[in-house]
Amino acid sequence: MIGVEGVALAGMLPDELQNYTTFSVGISADASEPNAAGPLIAFLRSPASAAAMRGKGLEPIAP
């Protein structure tokens, strides 16, 4: 809903109502471009990425 024009995030749900989904990342053993995955993973773990996630209503976990 956050991407819908006119919708604004009012705040996070209380813990008792919150449902968290954890996403994982990895590099396949037979990846065709394994060297490209490293920088992407590093970015996803960075403070800049965490700030972007928070801005979209997501709560990043600490690396």
N, C-alpha and C. Protein backbone atom coordinates (compact mmCIF):
# COMPACT_ATOMS: atom_id res chain seq x y z
N MET A 1 0.81 -1.20 0.00
CA MET A 1 0.00 0.00 0.00
C MET A 1 0.85 1.26 0.00
N ILE A 2 2.07 1.18 0.52
CA ILE A 2 2.89 2.38 0.61
C ILE A 2 3.17 2.98 -0.76
N GLY A 3 3.24 2.14 -1.81
CA GLY A 3 3.52 2.64 -3.15
C GLY A 3 2.32 3.28 -3.84
N VAL A 4 1.18 3.28 -3.19
CA VAL A 4 -0.04 3.85 -3.77
C VAL A 4 -0.09 5.35 -3.49
N GLU A 5 -0.35 6.13 -4.53
CA GLU A 5 -0.41 7.58 -4.37
C GLU A 5 -1.45 7.96 -3.31
N GLY A 6 -1.05 8.84 -2.41
CA GLY A 6 -1.94 9.31 -1.37
C GLY A 6 -1.91 8.49 -0.09
N VAL A 7 -1.18 7.38 -0.10
CA VAL A 7 -1.06 6.53 1.09
C VAL A 7 0.22 6.88 1.82
N ALA A 8 0.13 7.06 3.12
CA ALA A 8 1.30 7.37 3.94
C ALA A 8 1.39 6.39 5.10
N LEU A 9 2.60 6.05 5.50
CA LEU A 9 2.82 5.16 6.63
C LEU A 9 2.60 5.94 7.92
N ALA A 10 1.64 5.51 8.71
CA ALA A 10 1.35 6.18 9.97
C ALA A 10 2.22 5.64 11.10
N GLY A 11 2.67 4.43 10.97
CA GLY A 11 3.52 3.83 11.99
C GLY A 11 3.48 2.32 11.88
N MET A 12 4.33 1.68 12.63
CA MET A 12 4.40 0.22 12.62
C MET A 12 3.28 -0.36 13.47
N LEU A 13 2.89 -1.58 13.17
CA LEU A 13 1.89 -2.28 13.98
C LEU A 13 2.50 -2.64 15.33
N PRO A 14 1.70 -2.73 16.37
CA PRO A 14 2.21 -3.17 17.66
C PRO A 14 2.76 -4.60 17.54
N ASP A 15 3.75 -4.95 18.36
CA ASP A 15 4.39 -6.27 18.28
C ASP A 15 3.39 -7.41 18.30
N GLU A 16 2.34 -7.30 19.11
CA GLU A 16 1.38 -8.40 19.21
C GLU A 16 0.56 -8.60 17.94
N LEU A 17 0.55 -7.60 17.05
CA LEU A 17 -0.16 -7.71 15.77
C LEU A 17 0.78 -7.87 14.58
N GLN A 18 2.05 -7.66 14.81
CA GLN A 18 3.05 -7.67 13.74
C GLN A 18 3.33 -9.09 13.28
N ASN A 19 3.54 -9.25 12.00
CA ASN A 19 3.94 -10.52 11.41
C ASN A 19 5.19 -10.26 10.59
N TYR A 20 6.30 -10.86 10.97
CA TYR A 20 7.56 -10.62 10.28
C TYR A 20 7.85 -11.73 9.28
N THR A 21 8.40 -11.35 8.15
CA THR A 21 8.86 -12.30 7.15
C THR A 21 10.36 -12.06 6.97
N THR A 22 11.12 -13.11 7.09
CA THR A 22 12.57 -13.01 6.94
C THR A 22 12.97 -13.47 5.55
N PHE A 23 13.75 -12.65 4.86
CA PHE A 23 14.26 -12.99 3.54
C PHE A 23 15.74 -13.33 3.68
N SER A 24 16.19 -14.31 2.93
CA SER A 24 17.59 -14.71 2.95
C SER A 24 18.19 -14.51 1.57
N VAL A 25 19.51 -14.40 1.53
CA VAL A 25 20.19 -14.23 0.25
C VAL A 25 21.39 -15.16 0.23
N GLY A 26 21.71 -15.63 -0.95
CA GLY A 26 22.87 -16.49 -1.11
C GLY A 26 23.29 -16.52 -2.57
N ILE A 27 24.41 -17.16 -2.83
CA ILE A 27 24.93 -17.28 -4.19
C ILE A 27 24.92 -18.76 -4.55
N SER A 28 24.23 -19.09 -5.61
CA SER A 28 24.16 -20.47 -6.07
C SER A 28 25.53 -20.97 -6.49
N ALA A 29 25.80 -22.23 -6.24
CA ALA A 29 27.09 -22.83 -6.62
C ALA A 29 27.30 -22.79 -8.13
N ASP A 30 26.23 -22.79 -8.91
CA ASP A 30 26.37 -22.75 -10.37
C ASP A 30 25.90 -21.42 -10.96
N ALA A 31 25.98 -20.34 -10.19
CA ALA A 31 25.58 -19.02 -10.68
C ALA A 31 26.45 -18.62 -11.87
N SER A 32 25.84 -18.01 -12.87
CA SER A 32 26.60 -17.61 -14.06
C SER A 32 27.41 -16.34 -13.80
N GLU A 33 27.01 -15.51 -12.84
CA GLU A 33 27.72 -14.26 -12.51
C GLU A 33 27.88 -14.14 -11.00
N PRO A 34 28.61 -15.05 -10.36
CA PRO A 34 28.73 -15.01 -8.90
C PRO A 34 29.41 -13.74 -8.38
N ASN A 35 30.30 -13.17 -9.17
CA ASN A 35 30.99 -11.95 -8.72
C ASN A 35 30.07 -10.74 -8.67
N ALA A 36 28.97 -10.77 -9.41
CA ALA A 36 28.01 -9.66 -9.39
C ALA A 36 27.14 -9.73 -8.13
N ALA A 37 26.99 -10.92 -7.56
CA ALA A 37 26.13 -11.07 -6.39
C ALA A 37 26.76 -10.48 -5.14
N GLY A 38 28.07 -10.56 -5.01
CA GLY A 38 28.75 -10.05 -3.82
C GLY A 38 28.45 -8.59 -3.51
N PRO A 39 28.63 -7.69 -4.48
CA PRO A 39 28.32 -6.28 -4.23
C PRO A 39 26.85 -6.04 -3.91
N LEU A 40 25.95 -6.78 -4.53
CA LEU A 40 24.53 -6.63 -4.23
C LEU A 40 24.24 -7.04 -2.80
N ILE A 41 24.80 -8.16 -2.37
CA ILE A 41 24.61 -8.62 -1.00
C ILE A 41 25.20 -7.62 -0.02
N ALA A 42 26.37 -7.09 -0.34
CA ALA A 42 27.00 -6.09 0.54
C ALA A 42 26.10 -4.86 0.65
N PHE A 43 25.52 -4.42 -0.46
CA PHE A 43 24.63 -3.26 -0.41
C PHE A 43 23.40 -3.55 0.45
N LEU A 44 22.81 -4.73 0.27
CA LEU A 44 21.61 -5.08 1.03
C LEU A 44 21.87 -5.11 2.53
N ARG A 45 23.12 -5.30 2.93
CA ARG A 45 23.50 -5.32 4.35
C ARG A 45 23.98 -3.95 4.84
N SER A 46 24.00 -2.95 3.97
CA SER A 46 24.58 -1.64 4.30
C SER A 46 23.59 -0.72 5.01
N PRO A 47 24.13 0.30 5.71
CA PRO A 47 23.26 1.31 6.33
C PRO A 47 22.38 2.05 5.32
N ALA A 48 22.89 2.28 4.12
CA ALA A 48 22.10 2.97 3.09
C ALA A 48 20.89 2.13 2.71
N SER A 49 21.08 0.84 2.57
CA SER A 49 19.98 -0.05 2.25
C SER A 49 18.98 -0.10 3.40
N ALA A 50 19.47 -0.15 4.62
CA ALA A 50 18.59 -0.18 5.80
C ALA A 50 17.71 1.07 5.84
N ALA A 51 18.29 2.22 5.54
CA ALA A 51 17.52 3.47 5.53
C ALA A 51 16.45 3.43 4.45
N ALA A 52 16.79 2.90 3.28
CA ALA A 52 15.82 2.80 2.19
C ALA A 52 14.68 1.85 2.57
N MET A 53 15.03 0.73 3.22
CA MET A 53 14.01 -0.23 3.65
C MET A 53 13.06 0.40 4.66
N ARG A 54 13.62 1.11 5.63
CA ARG A 54 12.78 1.76 6.64
C ARG A 54 11.84 2.78 6.00
N GLY A 55 12.34 3.47 4.98
CA GLY A 55 11.53 4.46 4.27
C GLY A 55 10.34 3.85 3.54
N LYS A 56 10.41 2.55 3.30
CA LYS A 56 9.31 1.84 2.62
C LYS A 56 8.51 1.00 3.58
N GLY A 57 8.72 1.19 4.89
CA GLY A 57 7.91 0.50 5.88
C GLY A 57 8.45 -0.87 6.27
N LEU A 58 9.66 -1.20 5.85
CA LEU A 58 10.27 -2.46 6.22
C LEU A 58 11.22 -2.27 7.39
N GLU A 59 11.43 -3.29 8.16
CA GLU A 59 12.34 -3.21 9.30
C GLU A 59 13.51 -4.16 9.07
N PRO A 60 14.67 -3.62 8.66
CA PRO A 60 15.83 -4.48 8.41
C PRO A 60 16.38 -5.05 9.72
N ILE A 61 17.00 -6.21 9.63
CA ILE A 61 17.63 -6.78 10.81
C ILE A 61 19.09 -6.38 10.82
N ALA A 62 19.69 -6.44 11.98
CA ALA A 62 21.12 -6.11 12.10
C ALA A 62 21.95 -7.22 11.46
N PRO A 63 22.96 -6.86 10.68
CA PRO A 63 23.81 -7.88 10.04
C PRO A 63 24.61 -8.67 11.05
